[in-house]
Amino acid sequence: MLNKKKLILYTLCVCIILMNVLAYFRWSYGALEGDFRYKTDRWMHQAWVEYYPPLAISDAIEFPLLNRSKFNDDAELEAYVHKYAVSGYIVDRWLARTKLTYIYMGVNLFLLFHIVLLLVLLRSRKVLRSRGGNRR
């Protein structure tokens, strides 16, 4: 019984390591051109642009690229966002990306919870054996 729990524990650890490696390779970053940095989400096969506003203190603003590959200036980006934000296409892509991220985080936390649970069970089993009791 103890070997079976250890095998499950090792399997869960390997799954978590593989999931985190996959998360590390989620984004493929392209060139940084002026205020724009282009990247691709490998999980969704969706191109995105990170926009770094001039004189901004915060992080970049990200937008999915639906029918374009690049922007030349801020005015083009503003027209693009206005056109597709009103129609809801940008929001749909954002929601799909967010759902996929939440699913990944949920599965990762679920596996971590089971590892902690197994470690507690293995530890309590060892404590019972060291006291001489083999109660169930």
C-alpha atoms as a PDB file:
ATOM      1  CA  MET A   1       0.000   0.000   0.000  1.00  0.00           C
ATOM      2  CA  LEU A   2       2.832   2.378   0.832  1.00  0.00           C
ATOM      3  CA  ASN A   3       4.591   1.750  -2.479  1.00  0.00           C
ATOM      4  CA  LYS A   4       1.377   2.485  -4.342  1.00  0.00           C
ATOM      5  CA  LYS A   5       1.096   5.889  -2.613  1.00  0.00           C
ATOM      6  CA  LYS A   6       4.713   6.685  -3.393  1.00  0.00           C
ATOM      7  CA  LEU A   7       4.167   5.777  -7.032  1.00  0.00           C
ATOM      8  CA  ILE A   8       1.131   8.067  -7.175  1.00  0.00           C
ATOM      9  CA  LEU A   9       3.169  10.821  -5.512  1.00  0.00           C
ATOM     10  CA  TYR A  10       5.979  10.516  -8.060  1.00  0.00           C
ATOM     11  CA  THR A  11       3.482  10.466 -10.925  1.00  0.00           C
ATOM     12  CA  LEU A  12       1.801  13.642  -9.656  1.00  0.00           C
ATOM     13  CA  CYS A  13       5.193  15.351  -9.309  1.00  0.00           C
ATOM     14  CA  VAL A  14       6.121  14.439 -12.874  1.00  0.00           C
ATOM     15  CA  CYS A  15       2.755  15.744 -14.126  1.00  0.00           C
ATOM     16  CA  ILE A  16       3.268  19.071 -12.357  1.00  0.00           C
ATOM     17  CA  ILE A  17       6.783  19.413 -13.740  1.00  0.00           C
ATOM     18  CA  LEU A  18       5.551  18.676 -17.275  1.00  0.00           C
ATOM     19  CA  MET A  19       2.688  21.165 -16.950  1.00  0.00           C
ATOM     20  CA  ASN A  20       5.039  23.899 -15.791  1.00  0.00           C
ATOM     21  CA  VAL A  21       7.465  23.180 -18.621  1.00  0.00           C
ATOM     22  CA  LEU A  22       4.572  23.484 -21.071  1.00  0.00           C
ATOM     23  CA  ALA A  23       3.565  26.782 -19.456  1.00  0.00           C
ATOM     24  CA  TYR A  24       7.122  28.059 -19.803  1.00  0.00           C
ATOM     25  CA  PHE A  25       6.979  27.488 -23.561  1.00  0.00           C
ATOM     26  CA  ARG A  26       3.500  28.979 -23.992  1.00  0.00           C
ATOM     27  CA  TRP A  27       4.647  32.246 -25.564  1.00  0.00           C
ATOM     28  CA  SER A  28       6.834  32.756 -28.616  1.00  0.00           C
ATOM     29  CA  TYR A  29       8.166  36.312 -28.622  1.00  0.00           C
ATOM     30  CA  GLY A  30       8.913  38.182 -31.807  1.00  0.00           C
ATOM     31  CA  ALA A  31      10.599  41.468 -32.496  1.00  0.00           C
ATOM     32  CA  LEU A  32      10.224  44.640 -30.470  1.00  0.00           C
ATOM     33  CA  GLU A  33       9.450  47.408 -32.958  1.00  0.00           C
ATOM     34  CA  GLY A  34       9.087  50.812 -31.362  1.00  0.00           C
ATOM     35  CA  ASP A  35       6.236  50.660 -28.873  1.00  0.00           C
ATOM     36  CA  PHE A  36       5.026  47.268 -30.121  1.00  0.00           C
ATOM     37  CA  ARG A  37       6.198  43.761 -29.236  1.00  0.00           C
ATOM     38  CA  TYR A  38       4.689  40.847 -31.115  1.00  0.00           C
ATOM     39  CA  LYS A  39       4.171  37.403 -29.611  1.00  0.00           C
ATOM     40  CA  THR A  40       2.269  34.192 -30.299  1.00  0.00           C
ATOM     41  CA  ASP A  41       0.286  32.115 -27.837  1.00  0.00           C
ATOM     42  CA  ARG A  42       1.248  28.545 -28.733  1.00  0.00           C
ATOM     43  CA  TRP A  43      -1.635  27.037 -26.777  1.00  0.00           C
ATOM     44  CA  MET A  44      -4.286  28.957 -28.728  1.00  0.00           C
ATOM     45  CA  HIS A  45      -2.326  29.572 -31.945  1.00  0.00           C
ATOM     46  CA  GLN A  46      -3.175  33.262 -31.641  1.00  0.00           C
ATOM     47  CA  ALA A  47      -0.917  36.229 -32.418  1.00  0.00           C
ATOM     48  CA  TRP A  48      -0.877  39.100 -29.900  1.00  0.00           C
ATOM     49  CA  VAL A  49       0.706  42.524 -29.737  1.00  0.00           C
ATOM     50  CA  GLU A  50       2.011  44.111 -26.551  1.00  0.00           C
ATOM     51  CA  TYR A  51       1.697  47.881 -26.697  1.00  0.00           C
ATOM     52  CA  TYR A  52       3.959  49.957 -24.475  1.00  0.00           C
ATOM     53  CA  PRO A  53       2.396  53.442 -24.356  1.00  0.00           C
ATOM     54  CA  PRO A  54       4.887  56.299 -24.331  1.00  0.00           C
ATOM     55  CA  LEU A  55       5.517  57.707 -20.849  1.00  0.00           C
ATOM     56  CA  ALA A  56       3.479  54.903 -19.250  1.00  0.00           C
ATOM     57  CA  ILE A  57       4.358  53.676 -15.797  1.00  0.00           C
ATOM     58  CA  SER A  58       2.413  50.423 -15.994  1.00  0.00           C
ATOM     59  CA  ASP A  59       3.023  47.244 -17.957  1.00  0.00           C
ATOM     60  CA  ALA A  60       2.150  46.651 -21.571  1.00  0.00           C
ATOM     61  CA  ILE A  61      -1.391  46.453 -22.917  1.00  0.00           C
ATOM     62  CA  GLU A  62      -2.067  43.307 -24.944  1.00  0.00           C
ATOM     63  CA  PHE A  63      -4.372  42.948 -27.929  1.00  0.00           C
ATOM     64  CA  PRO A  64      -5.031  39.916 -30.161  1.00  0.00           C
ATOM     65  CA  LEU A  65      -4.135  40.308 -33.809  1.00  0.00           C
ATOM     66  CA  LEU A  66      -7.169  39.185 -35.761  1.00  0.00           C
ATOM     67  CA  ASN A  67      -6.494  40.221 -39.345  1.00  0.00           C
ATOM     68  CA  ARG A  68      -3.192  42.090 -39.118  1.00  0.00           C
ATOM     69  CA  SER A  69       0.406  41.213 -38.569  1.00  0.00           C
ATOM     70  CA  LYS A  70       1.870  44.609 -37.569  1.00  0.00           C
ATOM     71  CA  PHE A  71       1.080  48.207 -36.671  1.00  0.00           C
ATOM     72  CA  ASN A  72       3.011  51.230 -37.834  1.00  0.00           C
ATOM     73  CA  ASP A  73       1.872  53.804 -35.270  1.00  0.00           C
ATOM     74  CA  ASP A  74      -0.455  54.474 -32.361  1.00  0.00           C
ATOM     75  CA  ALA A  75      -3.249  55.774 -34.589  1.00  0.00           C
ATOM     76  CA  GLU A  76      -3.484  52.454 -36.457  1.00  0.00           C
ATOM     77  CA  LEU A  77      -3.685  50.555 -33.190  1.00  0.00           C
ATOM     78  CA  GLU A  78      -6.374  52.906 -31.876  1.00  0.00           C
ATOM     79  CA  ALA A  79      -8.502  52.463 -35.020  1.00  0.00           C
ATOM     80  CA  TYR A  80      -8.014  48.682 -34.880  1.00  0.00           C
ATOM     81  CA  VAL A  81      -9.033  48.438 -31.218  1.00  0.00           C
ATOM     82  CA  HIS A  82     -12.023  50.721 -31.756  1.00  0.00           C
ATOM     83  CA  LYS A  83     -13.248  48.638 -34.695  1.00  0.00           C
ATOM     84  CA  TYR A  84     -12.865  45.199 -33.087  1.00  0.00           C
ATOM     85  CA  ALA A  85     -13.609  46.098 -29.469  1.00  0.00           C
ATOM     86  CA  VAL A  86     -17.059  47.377 -30.427  1.00  0.00           C
ATOM     87  CA  SER A  87     -17.820  44.148 -32.278  1.00  0.00           C
ATOM     88  CA  GLY A  88     -16.636  41.976 -29.370  1.00  0.00           C
ATOM     89  CA  TYR A  89     -14.020  39.937 -31.244  1.00  0.00           C
ATOM     90  CA  ILE A  90     -11.188  41.124 -28.999  1.00  0.00           C
ATOM     91  CA  VAL A  91     -13.185  40.289 -25.883  1.00  0.00           C
ATOM     92  CA  ASP A  92     -13.900  36.781 -27.181  1.00  0.00           C
ATOM     93  CA  ARG A  93     -10.181  36.136 -27.666  1.00  0.00           C
ATOM     94  CA  TRP A  94      -9.402  37.560 -24.228  1.00  0.00           C
ATOM     95  CA  LEU A  95     -12.011  35.340 -22.595  1.00  0.00           C
ATOM     96  CA  ALA A  96     -10.750  32.227 -24.382  1.00  0.00           C
ATOM     97  CA  ARG A  97      -7.183  32.969 -23.294  1.00  0.00           C
ATOM     98  CA  THR A  98      -8.274  33.659 -19.719  1.00  0.00           C
ATOM     99  CA  LYS A  99     -10.330  30.450 -19.522  1.00  0.00           C
ATOM    100  CA  LEU A 100      -7.403  28.394 -20.769  1.00  0.00           C
ATOM    101  CA  THR A 101      -5.104  30.028 -18.211  1.00  0.00           C
ATOM    102  CA  TYR A 102      -7.574  29.377 -15.390  1.00  0.00           C
ATOM    103  CA  ILE A 103      -7.938  25.741 -16.432  1.00  0.00           C
ATOM    104  CA  TYR A 104      -4.162  25.343 -16.359  1.00  0.00           C
ATOM    105  CA  MET A 105      -3.912  26.978 -12.934  1.00  0.00           C
ATOM    106  CA  GLY A 106      -6.795  24.884 -11.569  1.00  0.00           C
ATOM    107  CA  VAL A 107      -5.290  21.601 -12.720  1.00  0.00           C
ATOM    108  CA  ASN A 108      -1.901  22.634 -11.352  1.00  0.00           C
ATOM    109  CA  LEU A 109      -3.386  23.518  -7.939  1.00  0.00           C
ATOM    110  CA  PHE A 110      -5.427  20.299  -7.936  1.00  0.00           C
ATOM    111  CA  LEU A 111      -2.279  18.241  -8.470  1.00  0.00           C
ATOM    112  CA  LEU A 112      -0.383  20.214  -5.819  1.00  0.00           C
ATOM    113  CA  PHE A 113      -3.209  19.632  -3.332  1.00  0.00           C
ATOM    114  CA  HIS A 114      -3.052  15.891  -3.968  1.00  0.00           C
ATOM    115  CA  ILE A 115       0.709  15.866  -3.463  1.00  0.00           C
ATOM    116  CA  VAL A 116       0.331  17.589  -0.101  1.00  0.00           C
ATOM    117  CA  LEU A 117      -2.457  15.191   0.841  1.00  0.00           C
ATOM    118  CA  LEU A 118      -0.338  12.171  -0.052  1.00  0.00           C
ATOM    119  CA  LEU A 119       2.633  13.546   1.853  1.00  0.00           C
ATOM    120  CA  VAL A 120       0.450  13.994   4.940  1.00  0.00           C
ATOM    121  CA  LEU A 121      -0.895  10.456   4.591  1.00  0.00           C
ATOM    122  CA  LEU A 122       2.595   9.008   4.157  1.00  0.00           C
ATOM    123  CA  ARG A 123       3.872  11.008   7.122  1.00  0.00           C
ATOM    124  CA  SER A 124       1.013   9.925   9.385  1.00  0.00           C
ATOM    125  CA  ARG A 125       1.552   6.297   8.345  1.00  0.00           C
ATOM    126  CA  LYS A 126       5.228   6.530   9.333  1.00  0.00           C
ATOM    127  CA  VAL A 127       4.335   8.123  12.691  1.00  0.00           C
ATOM    128  CA  LEU A 128       1.903   5.296  13.459  1.00  0.00           C
ATOM    129  CA  ARG A 129       4.504   2.677  12.581  1.00  0.00           C
ATOM    130  CA  SER A 130       7.191   4.341  14.683  1.00  0.00           C
ATOM    131  CA  ARG A 131       4.863   4.278  17.734  1.00  0.00           C
ATOM    132  CA  GLY A 132       4.367   0.563  17.309  1.00  0.00           C
ATOM    133  CA  GLY A 133       0.718   0.749  16.459  1.00  0.00           C
ATOM    134  CA  ASN A 134      -0.607  -0.580  13.224  1.00  0.00           C
ATOM    135  CA  ARG A 135      -4.177   0.666  13.584  1.00  0.00           C
ATOM    136  CA  ARG A 136      -6.444   1.334  10.675  1.00  0.00           C
END
